[in-house]
Amino acid sequence: MSGRMRRRLACIALALLASGAAGAQGAATPAAAPSSAPSEAERLVFMHEHLGAQRQPRELRYAYVADAAGQPQVTDHAVLQLANDAAGHCCQVHGDYLSGPLAVNLPDIPEAKSNPVLLYFLEGEVRLLQRTTNGQAAHFRRRIRQALADTATVSDSTVQWGGRSVPAKTVRVAPFVDDPFRNRFEDQAGTEYSFVLADAVPGGVYAMSATVPPKPGGTAPLARRSLTIEEAK
């Protein structure tokens, strides 16, 4: 794939996060490319070809776990179905992301190279913030997108896969710590998002999480939501 096409697909991914309403098929006019080069975090999350060499498995399953102080644990699943196009190239992606009020429905994505489970997770987080704070989804999307460009950190790490330790990259970002409107959702303003990416893992994405830190003087997080690759078929 050419660098121009990779850039175009990254712009579509950013447009998805920016609008939450358009799918890759509907983004006939992708967002304009930023004037400066993308950050390493943006490249890893939106531009890296997580699915670039994917042939098998045809299904990726992720386990979702949500813990919150004083509430019962919530568990669910996300499934990505990967299909070849008419020429036998991967991947056309259909996602079934969580269920009930947590479900996120996005249009199928043709010719996907980056793993759209990252977009599903982020969109689910944005909608959760909107429901629980009465804030505007567009504001939360914009803050996440900008923080990935400006303040996210990237570190080397490892994960266990296939009975061995494999290299990974961990992207961390806290989009709302300097939000001028954080007083409107103070309990959640410190939320940190983490993305663990490993090429050796099918689909290139090992885990994602959102952690709400404890209140001053506390020790346990107020909430933690995670999505981790579960099995490959």
Protein backbone atom coordinates (compact mmCIF):
# COMPACT_ATOMS: atom_id res chain seq x y z
CA MET A 1 0.00 0.00 0.00
CA SER A 2 1.32 3.44 -0.91
CA GLY A 3 2.06 6.08 1.69
CA ARG A 4 -0.66 8.24 0.14
CA MET A 5 -3.28 5.53 0.63
CA ARG A 6 -2.15 4.87 4.21
CA ARG A 7 -2.53 8.59 4.90
CA ARG A 8 -6.00 8.62 3.36
CA LEU A 9 -7.14 5.68 5.50
CA ALA A 10 -5.73 7.37 8.59
CA CYS A 11 -7.72 10.50 7.76
CA ILE A 12 -10.87 8.40 7.47
CA ALA A 13 -10.14 6.88 10.87
CA LEU A 14 -9.70 10.34 12.37
CA ALA A 15 -12.94 11.45 10.74
CA LEU A 16 -14.70 8.49 12.35
CA LEU A 17 -13.45 9.52 15.75
CA ALA A 18 -14.30 13.15 15.08
CA SER A 19 -17.88 12.56 14.00
CA GLY A 20 -18.89 9.21 15.42
CA ALA A 21 -21.59 9.11 12.77
CA ALA A 22 -19.78 8.39 9.52
CA GLY A 23 -18.32 5.04 8.63
CA ALA A 24 -15.44 4.46 6.29
CA GLN A 25 -17.90 3.76 3.48
CA GLY A 26 -19.69 7.04 4.13
CA ALA A 27 -16.57 9.16 4.42
CA ALA A 28 -16.40 10.05 0.76
CA THR A 29 -14.52 13.21 1.64
CA PRO A 30 -12.05 12.40 4.40
CA ALA A 31 -10.88 15.00 6.87
CA ALA A 32 -8.10 17.21 5.62
CA ALA A 33 -4.64 15.99 6.50
CA PRO A 34 -3.07 17.92 9.38
CA SER A 35 -0.34 20.36 8.45
CA SER A 36 2.22 18.78 10.76
CA ALA A 37 3.43 15.20 10.78
CA PRO A 38 1.36 12.81 12.91
CA SER A 39 2.70 11.91 16.32
CA GLU A 40 4.04 8.44 17.07
CA ALA A 41 0.88 7.75 19.09
CA GLU A 42 -1.34 8.73 16.15
CA ARG A 43 0.66 6.53 13.79
CA LEU A 44 0.43 3.53 16.11
CA VAL A 45 -3.29 3.89 16.82
CA PHE A 46 -4.66 5.16 13.49
CA MET A 47 -2.08 4.55 10.76
CA HIS A 48 -0.22 1.36 11.61
CA GLU A 49 -1.24 -1.59 9.42
CA HIS A 50 -2.42 -3.85 12.23
CA LEU A 51 -4.23 -6.01 9.68
CA GLY A 52 -1.77 -5.51 6.82
CA ALA A 53 -0.45 -9.07 6.75
CA GLN A 54 -3.58 -10.71 8.17
CA ARG A 55 -4.76 -13.94 6.58
CA GLN A 56 -5.89 -15.98 9.57
CA PRO A 57 -7.79 -15.85 11.86
CA ARG A 58 -11.00 -14.75 10.22
CA GLU A 59 -12.51 -13.84 13.57
CA LEU A 60 -11.06 -11.81 16.40
CA ARG A 61 -12.73 -11.93 19.81
CA TYR A 62 -12.17 -9.48 22.66
CA ALA A 63 -13.31 -9.73 26.28
CA TYR A 64 -14.74 -6.60 27.86
CA VAL A 65 -14.64 -6.09 31.63
CA ALA A 66 -15.89 -3.01 33.49
CA ASP A 67 -15.39 -2.45 37.20
CA ALA A 68 -16.71 0.57 39.09
CA ALA A 69 -16.77 1.38 42.78
CA GLY A 70 -19.99 0.18 44.41
CA GLN A 71 -21.30 -1.51 41.26
CA PRO A 72 -21.33 -5.12 40.05
CA GLN A 73 -18.77 -6.09 37.45
CA VAL A 74 -19.93 -5.95 33.84
CA THR A 75 -18.59 -8.40 31.26
CA ASP A 76 -19.27 -8.55 27.54
CA HIS A 77 -17.61 -9.38 24.22
CA ALA A 78 -16.61 -7.73 20.97
CA VAL A 79 -16.17 -9.71 17.76
CA LEU A 80 -14.57 -8.62 14.50
CA GLN A 81 -15.30 -10.70 11.41
CA LEU A 82 -12.55 -10.43 8.79
CA ALA A 83 -13.38 -11.32 5.20
CA ASN A 84 -11.38 -11.24 1.98
CA ASP A 85 -12.47 -9.12 -0.95
CA ALA A 86 -13.15 -10.52 -4.41
CA ALA A 87 -9.41 -10.58 -5.13
CA GLY A 88 -8.69 -12.54 -1.97
CA HIS A 89 -7.19 -9.62 -0.07
CA CYS A 90 -7.88 -9.02 3.61
CA CYS A 91 -9.70 -7.29 5.13
CA GLN A 92 -13.31 -6.28 4.99
CA VAL A 93 -14.35 -5.90 8.61
CA HIS A 94 -17.71 -6.31 10.30
CA GLY A 95 -17.86 -5.56 14.00
CA ASP A 96 -20.27 -6.64 16.73
CA TYR A 97 -19.20 -4.47 19.64
CA LEU A 98 -20.72 -5.25 23.04
CA SER A 99 -24.47 -5.48 23.65
CA GLY A 100 -27.45 -3.62 25.08
CA PRO A 101 -26.79 0.00 26.05
CA LEU A 102 -23.03 -0.51 25.63
CA ALA A 103 -23.30 -1.58 21.99
CA VAL A 104 -21.57 0.49 19.32
CA ASN A 105 -22.69 0.02 15.72
CA LEU A 106 -20.48 1.29 12.90
CA PRO A 107 -20.73 0.54 9.18
CA ASP A 108 -18.62 -2.30 7.83
CA ILE A 109 -15.17 -1.13 6.82
CA PRO A 110 -13.77 -2.24 3.45
CA GLU A 111 -10.05 -2.56 2.76
CA ALA A 112 -9.19 -2.11 6.43
CA LYS A 113 -5.51 -2.13 7.34
CA SER A 114 -5.68 -0.56 10.81
CA ASN A 115 -7.69 -2.49 13.39
CA PRO A 116 -11.09 -0.78 13.84
CA VAL A 117 -11.53 -2.28 17.32
CA LEU A 118 -9.63 0.81 18.51
CA LEU A 119 -12.29 3.07 17.00
CA TYR A 120 -15.08 0.99 18.53
CA PHE A 121 -13.47 1.23 21.95
CA LEU A 122 -12.93 4.99 21.74
CA GLU A 123 -16.43 5.63 20.44
CA GLY A 124 -17.85 3.50 23.27
CA GLU A 125 -15.90 5.63 25.74
CA VAL A 126 -17.14 8.86 24.19
CA ARG A 127 -20.76 7.72 24.37
CA LEU A 128 -20.31 6.62 27.98
CA LEU A 129 -18.93 10.05 28.90
CA GLN A 130 -21.85 11.71 27.14
CA ARG A 131 -24.38 9.60 29.02
CA THR A 132 -22.80 10.05 32.44
CA THR A 133 -21.78 13.71 32.30
CA ASN A 134 -24.34 15.31 29.97
CA GLY A 135 -21.34 16.66 28.06
CA GLN A 136 -21.08 16.88 24.30
CA ALA A 137 -19.74 13.86 22.42
CA ALA A 138 -18.03 16.12 19.88
CA HIS A 139 -16.06 17.79 22.66
CA PHE A 140 -14.84 14.47 24.09
CA ARG A 141 -13.86 13.17 20.64
CA ARG A 142 -11.95 16.36 19.90
CA ARG A 143 -10.07 16.20 23.20
CA ILE A 144 -9.07 12.55 22.66
CA ARG A 145 -7.94 13.19 19.11
CA GLN A 146 -5.92 16.27 20.09
CA ALA A 147 -4.31 14.55 23.07
CA LEU A 148 -3.16 11.65 20.90
CA ALA A 149 -1.48 14.22 18.68
CA ASP A 150 0.03 16.38 21.42
CA THR A 151 0.46 14.73 24.81
CA ALA A 152 0.26 10.93 24.47
CA THR A 153 3.27 8.87 25.55
CA VAL A 154 4.62 5.73 23.90
CA SER A 155 6.73 3.12 25.68
CA ASP A 156 8.18 -0.28 24.84
CA SER A 157 6.56 -3.21 26.62
CA THR A 158 5.94 -6.94 26.23
CA VAL A 159 2.88 -9.19 26.33
CA GLN A 160 2.43 -12.93 26.62
CA TRP A 161 1.12 -14.56 23.46
CA GLY A 162 1.40 -18.12 22.21
CA GLY A 163 3.34 -19.15 25.27
CA ARG A 164 6.07 -16.59 24.79
CA SER A 165 6.87 -12.97 25.51
CA VAL A 166 6.50 -10.75 22.44
CA PRO A 167 7.38 -7.06 21.97
CA ALA A 168 4.65 -4.45 22.22
CA LYS A 169 4.14 -0.71 22.29
CA THR A 170 1.98 0.93 24.94
CA VAL A 171 0.30 4.25 24.18
CA ARG A 172 -1.04 6.21 27.16
CA VAL A 173 -3.07 9.40 27.05
CA ALA A 174 -5.13 11.42 29.56
CA PRO A 175 -7.17 13.75 27.33
CA PHE A 176 -9.09 15.68 29.97
CA VAL A 177 -6.57 16.59 32.67
CA ASP A 178 -6.19 20.11 31.27
CA ASP A 179 -9.70 20.36 29.82
CA PRO A 180 -11.02 23.89 30.49
CA PHE A 181 -14.42 22.34 31.27
CA ARG A 182 -13.15 19.59 33.57
CA ASN A 183 -15.02 21.04 36.54
CA ARG A 184 -18.20 19.81 34.87
CA PHE A 185 -17.04 16.18 35.07
CA GLU A 186 -14.32 16.29 37.70
CA ASP A 187 -14.63 12.65 38.79
CA GLN A 188 -13.79 11.45 35.28
CA ALA A 189 -11.42 14.20 34.14
CA GLY A 190 -8.36 12.19 35.12
CA THR A 191 -9.29 9.19 32.99
CA GLU A 192 -6.25 7.61 31.34
CA TYR A 193 -6.54 5.51 28.20
CA SER A 194 -4.02 2.82 27.40
CA PHE A 195 -3.52 0.92 24.14
CA VAL A 196 -1.21 -2.10 24.01
CA LEU A 197 -0.24 -2.91 20.43
CA ALA A 198 1.77 -5.96 19.34
CA ASP A 199 2.36 -7.12 15.77
CA ALA A 200 2.71 -10.74 16.95
CA VAL A 201 -0.90 -10.74 18.19
CA PRO A 202 -3.62 -11.41 15.58
CA GLY A 203 -5.06 -8.06 14.58
CA GLY A 204 -2.12 -6.22 16.14
CA VAL A 205 -4.07 -5.00 19.19
CA TYR A 206 -3.62 -6.83 22.48
CA ALA A 207 -5.61 -4.65 24.90
CA MET A 208 -7.20 -1.28 25.56
CA SER A 209 -8.28 0.20 28.85
CA ALA A 210 -9.76 3.29 30.47
CA THR A 211 -8.87 3.90 34.12
CA VAL A 212 -10.51 6.55 36.30
CA PRO A 213 -8.08 7.35 39.14
CA PRO A 214 -9.11 7.32 42.81
CA LYS A 215 -10.31 10.42 44.57
CA PRO A 216 -7.72 12.25 46.70
CA GLY A 217 -6.80 10.01 49.60
CA GLY A 218 -8.18 6.90 47.89
CA THR A 219 -6.23 3.92 46.67
CA ALA A 220 -8.46 2.00 44.28
CA PRO A 221 -9.47 3.39 40.88
CA LEU A 222 -13.03 4.68 40.70
CA ALA A 223 -13.53 2.67 37.54
CA ARG A 224 -11.65 0.58 35.02
CA ARG A 225 -12.87 -0.66 31.67
CA SER A 226 -10.76 -2.98 29.54
CA LEU A 227 -10.96 -4.82 26.24
CA THR A 228 -8.45 -7.65 25.73
CA ILE A 229 -8.03 -10.09 22.87
CA GLU A 230 -9.53 -13.35 24.01
CA GLU A 231 -9.13 -16.00 21.38
CA ALA A 232 -8.47 -16.42 17.70
CA LYS A 233 -10.30 -18.76 15.35
